[in-house]
N, C-alpha and C. Protein backbone atom coordinates (compact mmCIF):
# COMPACT_ATOMS: atom_id res chain seq x y z
N MET A 1 -82.38 30.51 5.94
CA MET A 1 -82.65 29.13 6.30
C MET A 1 -83.93 28.69 5.59
N LEU A 2 -83.94 27.51 5.05
CA LEU A 2 -85.09 26.96 4.33
C LEU A 2 -85.87 26.03 5.23
N TYR A 3 -87.16 26.27 5.31
CA TYR A 3 -88.03 25.39 6.08
C TYR A 3 -88.97 24.70 5.11
N LEU A 4 -89.13 23.42 5.24
CA LEU A 4 -90.01 22.66 4.38
C LEU A 4 -91.19 22.15 5.18
N ASP A 5 -92.34 22.20 4.56
CA ASP A 5 -93.53 21.63 5.18
C ASP A 5 -93.69 20.25 4.58
N VAL A 6 -93.15 19.26 5.26
CA VAL A 6 -93.17 17.90 4.74
C VAL A 6 -94.12 17.07 5.59
N HIS A 7 -95.07 16.45 4.94
CA HIS A 7 -96.01 15.59 5.64
C HIS A 7 -95.76 14.16 5.18
N LEU A 8 -95.29 13.34 6.09
CA LEU A 8 -94.98 11.96 5.77
C LEU A 8 -95.95 11.06 6.52
N ASP A 9 -96.36 10.00 5.87
CA ASP A 9 -97.17 9.00 6.55
C ASP A 9 -96.23 8.16 7.40
N VAL A 10 -96.39 8.22 8.70
CA VAL A 10 -95.50 7.53 9.62
C VAL A 10 -96.31 6.60 10.49
N GLN A 11 -95.86 5.37 10.55
CA GLN A 11 -96.49 4.41 11.45
C GLN A 11 -95.63 4.36 12.70
N ILE A 12 -96.23 4.65 13.84
CA ILE A 12 -95.48 4.68 15.09
C ILE A 12 -95.31 3.27 15.62
N ASP A 13 -94.07 2.91 15.85
CA ASP A 13 -93.73 1.62 16.41
C ASP A 13 -94.04 1.66 17.90
N SER A 14 -94.75 0.66 18.39
CA SER A 14 -95.12 0.65 19.81
C SER A 14 -93.89 0.63 20.71
N LYS A 15 -92.73 0.26 20.20
CA LYS A 15 -91.53 0.21 21.01
C LYS A 15 -91.03 1.59 21.41
N ILE A 16 -91.47 2.64 20.72
CA ILE A 16 -90.97 3.96 21.07
C ILE A 16 -91.83 4.66 22.11
N MET A 17 -92.91 4.03 22.49
CA MET A 17 -93.79 4.64 23.47
C MET A 17 -93.11 4.67 24.84
N LEU A 18 -93.43 5.69 25.60
CA LEU A 18 -92.84 5.85 26.93
C LEU A 18 -93.53 4.99 27.97
N SER A 19 -92.75 4.41 28.84
CA SER A 19 -93.24 3.78 30.06
C SER A 19 -92.75 4.68 31.19
N ASN A 20 -93.55 4.82 32.21
CA ASN A 20 -93.19 5.68 33.34
C ASN A 20 -92.68 4.85 34.52
N ILE A 21 -91.70 5.40 35.21
CA ILE A 21 -91.17 4.78 36.42
C ILE A 21 -90.75 5.91 37.37
N PRO A 22 -91.16 5.83 38.62
CA PRO A 22 -90.75 6.86 39.58
C PRO A 22 -89.23 6.86 39.77
N ILE A 23 -88.68 8.02 40.05
CA ILE A 23 -87.23 8.16 40.18
C ILE A 23 -86.67 7.27 41.29
N THR A 24 -87.42 7.07 42.36
CA THR A 24 -86.94 6.20 43.45
C THR A 24 -86.83 4.76 42.99
N GLU A 25 -87.79 4.32 42.19
CA GLU A 25 -87.74 2.95 41.65
C GLU A 25 -86.61 2.83 40.63
N ALA A 26 -86.44 3.85 39.80
CA ALA A 26 -85.36 3.83 38.80
C ALA A 26 -84.00 3.74 39.48
N ARG A 27 -83.84 4.45 40.57
CA ARG A 27 -82.57 4.41 41.32
C ARG A 27 -82.28 2.98 41.78
N ASN A 28 -83.30 2.30 42.28
CA ASN A 28 -83.12 0.92 42.76
C ASN A 28 -82.87 -0.06 41.63
N GLU A 29 -83.35 0.25 40.43
CA GLU A 29 -83.23 -0.67 39.30
C GLU A 29 -82.22 -0.21 38.25
N LEU A 30 -81.44 0.80 38.56
CA LEU A 30 -80.55 1.41 37.57
C LEU A 30 -79.66 0.40 36.85
N THR A 31 -79.08 -0.53 37.58
CA THR A 31 -78.16 -1.48 36.94
C THR A 31 -78.87 -2.48 36.04
N SER A 32 -80.16 -2.69 36.24
CA SER A 32 -80.89 -3.64 35.39
C SER A 32 -81.65 -2.96 34.24
N LEU A 33 -81.70 -1.63 34.25
CA LEU A 33 -82.45 -0.92 33.20
C LEU A 33 -81.91 -1.16 31.79
N PRO A 34 -80.59 -1.20 31.57
CA PRO A 34 -80.12 -1.45 30.20
C PRO A 34 -80.65 -2.76 29.61
N GLU A 35 -80.64 -3.82 30.41
CA GLU A 35 -81.13 -5.10 29.92
C GLU A 35 -82.64 -5.05 29.67
N LYS A 36 -83.37 -4.42 30.58
CA LYS A 36 -84.83 -4.33 30.40
C LYS A 36 -85.18 -3.55 29.15
N LEU A 37 -84.49 -2.43 28.92
CA LEU A 37 -84.77 -1.63 27.73
C LEU A 37 -84.34 -2.35 26.46
N ALA A 38 -83.25 -3.10 26.53
CA ALA A 38 -82.80 -3.86 25.36
C ALA A 38 -83.83 -4.92 24.99
N GLN A 39 -84.44 -5.54 25.99
CA GLN A 39 -85.45 -6.58 25.73
C GLN A 39 -86.77 -5.98 25.27
N GLN A 40 -87.22 -4.93 25.96
CA GLN A 40 -88.54 -4.37 25.70
C GLN A 40 -88.51 -3.26 24.65
N GLY A 41 -87.36 -2.64 24.46
CA GLY A 41 -87.27 -1.52 23.54
C GLY A 41 -87.94 -0.29 24.12
N GLY A 42 -87.94 0.76 23.35
CA GLY A 42 -88.63 1.96 23.76
C GLY A 42 -87.82 2.87 24.66
N THR A 43 -88.54 3.77 25.27
CA THR A 43 -87.95 4.79 26.13
C THR A 43 -88.66 4.76 27.47
N LEU A 44 -87.91 4.99 28.50
CA LEU A 44 -88.44 4.99 29.85
C LEU A 44 -88.46 6.43 30.36
N ALA A 45 -89.62 6.88 30.82
CA ALA A 45 -89.74 8.21 31.41
C ALA A 45 -89.56 8.08 32.92
N ILE A 46 -88.54 8.74 33.44
CA ILE A 46 -88.31 8.76 34.88
C ILE A 46 -89.10 9.95 35.43
N THR A 47 -89.93 9.67 36.42
CA THR A 47 -90.81 10.72 36.93
C THR A 47 -90.45 11.11 38.36
N ARG A 48 -90.73 12.35 38.68
CA ARG A 48 -90.61 12.86 40.04
C ARG A 48 -91.94 13.55 40.36
N ARG A 49 -92.58 13.07 41.40
CA ARG A 49 -93.90 13.57 41.78
C ARG A 49 -94.88 13.48 40.62
N GLY A 50 -94.75 12.40 39.85
CA GLY A 50 -95.68 12.13 38.75
C GLY A 50 -95.41 12.85 37.45
N LYS A 51 -94.36 13.69 37.41
CA LYS A 51 -94.05 14.43 36.19
C LYS A 51 -92.73 13.93 35.61
N PRO A 52 -92.66 13.73 34.29
CA PRO A 52 -91.42 13.26 33.66
C PRO A 52 -90.29 14.27 33.84
N VAL A 53 -89.11 13.77 34.26
CA VAL A 53 -87.94 14.63 34.43
C VAL A 53 -86.73 14.14 33.64
N LEU A 54 -86.73 12.87 33.26
CA LEU A 54 -85.64 12.28 32.48
C LEU A 54 -86.20 11.26 31.50
N ALA A 55 -85.48 11.07 30.41
CA ALA A 55 -85.81 9.99 29.48
C ALA A 55 -84.60 9.06 29.41
N VAL A 56 -84.84 7.78 29.53
CA VAL A 56 -83.78 6.78 29.47
C VAL A 56 -84.10 5.85 28.31
N MET A 57 -83.10 5.60 27.47
CA MET A 57 -83.29 4.74 26.30
C MET A 57 -81.98 4.03 25.99
N THR A 58 -82.06 3.03 25.13
CA THR A 58 -80.84 2.34 24.72
C THR A 58 -80.00 3.30 23.88
N TRP A 59 -78.71 3.04 23.83
CA TRP A 59 -77.81 3.88 23.04
C TRP A 59 -78.20 3.82 21.56
N GLU A 60 -78.60 2.66 21.10
CA GLU A 60 -79.02 2.48 19.71
C GLU A 60 -80.21 3.40 19.39
N HIS A 61 -81.17 3.45 20.29
CA HIS A 61 -82.34 4.31 20.10
C HIS A 61 -81.92 5.78 20.09
N TYR A 62 -81.03 6.15 20.98
CA TYR A 62 -80.52 7.52 21.05
C TYR A 62 -79.83 7.92 19.74
N GLU A 63 -78.97 7.04 19.23
CA GLU A 63 -78.28 7.33 17.97
C GLU A 63 -79.26 7.46 16.81
N ALA A 64 -80.31 6.63 16.81
CA ALA A 64 -81.33 6.71 15.76
C ALA A 64 -82.05 8.06 15.80
N ILE A 65 -82.32 8.54 17.00
CA ILE A 65 -82.97 9.85 17.14
C ILE A 65 -82.04 10.95 16.63
N LEU A 66 -80.76 10.89 16.98
CA LEU A 66 -79.81 11.89 16.50
C LEU A 66 -79.72 11.88 14.98
N GLU A 67 -79.69 10.69 14.39
CA GLU A 67 -79.62 10.57 12.93
C GLU A 67 -80.87 11.16 12.29
N THR A 68 -82.03 10.90 12.88
CA THR A 68 -83.28 11.46 12.36
C THR A 68 -83.26 12.97 12.43
N ILE A 69 -82.80 13.53 13.53
CA ILE A 69 -82.72 14.98 13.67
C ILE A 69 -81.78 15.57 12.63
N GLU A 70 -80.66 14.89 12.39
CA GLU A 70 -79.70 15.35 11.39
C GLU A 70 -80.33 15.36 10.00
N ILE A 71 -81.06 14.31 9.67
CA ILE A 71 -81.73 14.24 8.37
C ILE A 71 -82.78 15.34 8.25
N LEU A 72 -83.59 15.51 9.28
CA LEU A 72 -84.64 16.53 9.25
C LEU A 72 -84.06 17.94 9.16
N GLY A 73 -82.84 18.13 9.66
CA GLY A 73 -82.20 19.44 9.62
C GLY A 73 -81.48 19.73 8.32
N ASP A 74 -81.40 18.77 7.42
CA ASP A 74 -80.72 18.94 6.13
C ASP A 74 -81.77 19.29 5.08
N ALA A 75 -81.87 20.58 4.73
CA ALA A 75 -82.92 21.05 3.81
C ALA A 75 -82.84 20.37 2.45
N LYS A 76 -81.63 20.18 1.93
CA LYS A 76 -81.48 19.56 0.60
C LYS A 76 -81.95 18.10 0.65
N LEU A 77 -81.53 17.38 1.67
CA LEU A 77 -81.92 15.98 1.80
C LEU A 77 -83.44 15.86 1.97
N MET A 78 -84.03 16.74 2.78
CA MET A 78 -85.48 16.71 2.97
C MET A 78 -86.22 17.03 1.68
N ALA A 79 -85.70 17.98 0.90
CA ALA A 79 -86.33 18.31 -0.38
C ALA A 79 -86.29 17.10 -1.31
N ASN A 80 -85.13 16.41 -1.35
CA ASN A 80 -85.02 15.21 -2.17
C ASN A 80 -85.94 14.10 -1.68
N LEU A 81 -86.04 13.95 -0.38
CA LEU A 81 -86.93 12.94 0.19
C LEU A 81 -88.37 13.25 -0.16
N HIS A 82 -88.76 14.50 0.01
CA HIS A 82 -90.13 14.92 -0.31
C HIS A 82 -90.43 14.68 -1.80
N GLN A 83 -89.47 15.02 -2.66
CA GLN A 83 -89.65 14.80 -4.09
C GLN A 83 -89.79 13.31 -4.39
N GLY A 84 -88.97 12.49 -3.76
CA GLY A 84 -89.04 11.05 -3.97
C GLY A 84 -90.37 10.46 -3.53
N ILE A 85 -90.87 10.93 -2.40
CA ILE A 85 -92.16 10.44 -1.91
C ILE A 85 -93.28 10.86 -2.86
N THR A 86 -93.22 12.11 -3.31
CA THR A 86 -94.23 12.60 -4.26
C THR A 86 -94.20 11.78 -5.54
N GLU A 87 -93.00 11.52 -6.06
CA GLU A 87 -92.87 10.73 -7.28
C GLU A 87 -93.36 9.31 -7.08
N ALA A 88 -93.03 8.72 -5.94
CA ALA A 88 -93.46 7.35 -5.68
C ALA A 88 -94.98 7.26 -5.58
N LYS A 89 -95.59 8.25 -4.93
CA LYS A 89 -97.05 8.24 -4.79
C LYS A 89 -97.75 8.42 -6.13
N SER A 90 -97.12 9.15 -7.04
CA SER A 90 -97.74 9.38 -8.34
C SER A 90 -97.18 8.45 -9.42
N ALA A 91 -96.42 7.44 -9.00
CA ALA A 91 -95.84 6.43 -9.90
C ALA A 91 -94.99 7.06 -10.99
N GLN A 92 -94.22 8.10 -10.64
CA GLN A 92 -93.35 8.76 -11.61
C GLN A 92 -91.92 8.24 -11.56
N GLY A 93 -91.64 7.33 -10.67
CA GLY A 93 -90.28 6.83 -10.53
C GLY A 93 -89.90 5.91 -11.67
N ILE A 94 -88.68 5.39 -11.58
CA ILE A 94 -88.24 4.43 -12.58
C ILE A 94 -88.08 3.08 -11.90
N ASP A 95 -88.15 2.03 -12.70
CA ASP A 95 -88.04 0.69 -12.13
C ASP A 95 -86.60 0.41 -11.72
N TRP A 96 -86.43 -0.59 -10.87
CA TRP A 96 -85.13 -0.94 -10.29
C TRP A 96 -84.09 -1.26 -11.35
N GLU A 97 -84.46 -2.03 -12.34
CA GLU A 97 -83.50 -2.41 -13.39
C GLU A 97 -83.00 -1.19 -14.14
N SER A 98 -83.88 -0.25 -14.44
CA SER A 98 -83.48 0.98 -15.13
C SER A 98 -82.54 1.80 -14.25
N ALA A 99 -82.85 1.86 -12.96
CA ALA A 99 -82.00 2.62 -12.03
C ALA A 99 -80.61 2.01 -11.97
N LYS A 100 -80.52 0.67 -11.93
CA LYS A 100 -79.21 0.01 -11.89
C LYS A 100 -78.42 0.31 -13.16
N ARG A 101 -79.09 0.28 -14.31
CA ARG A 101 -78.40 0.59 -15.57
C ARG A 101 -77.90 2.03 -15.56
N GLU A 102 -78.72 2.95 -15.08
CA GLU A 102 -78.35 4.36 -15.03
C GLU A 102 -77.14 4.58 -14.15
N LEU A 103 -77.04 3.81 -13.07
CA LEU A 103 -75.95 3.96 -12.12
C LEU A 103 -74.78 3.01 -12.39
N ASP A 104 -74.87 2.29 -13.50
CA ASP A 104 -73.83 1.31 -13.87
C ASP A 104 -73.57 0.29 -12.77
N LEU A 105 -74.64 -0.25 -12.21
CA LEU A 105 -74.51 -1.27 -11.17
C LEU A 105 -74.72 -2.65 -11.74
């Protein structure tokens, strides 16, 4: 198995931050949580005795996390991504018009 040490500059979107809600309150608000999360975004941490026990998020957010995990688990894709980032940072890439010509677009 190949492991890559990839360091990417990532800006964290405030929408992914956790908000906490006690499990008793979550139970009372369960039917309204999908709408609240759709409006506010992010993930909701359901707590019991002050400790997180569940994470609730929109299905879209869940699928995005799964896709990210899949990408991170693909060694070849990560190597290509790392190479692309390195090339972009050092201005070794090619311009868009050249890329389109190369790909016959």
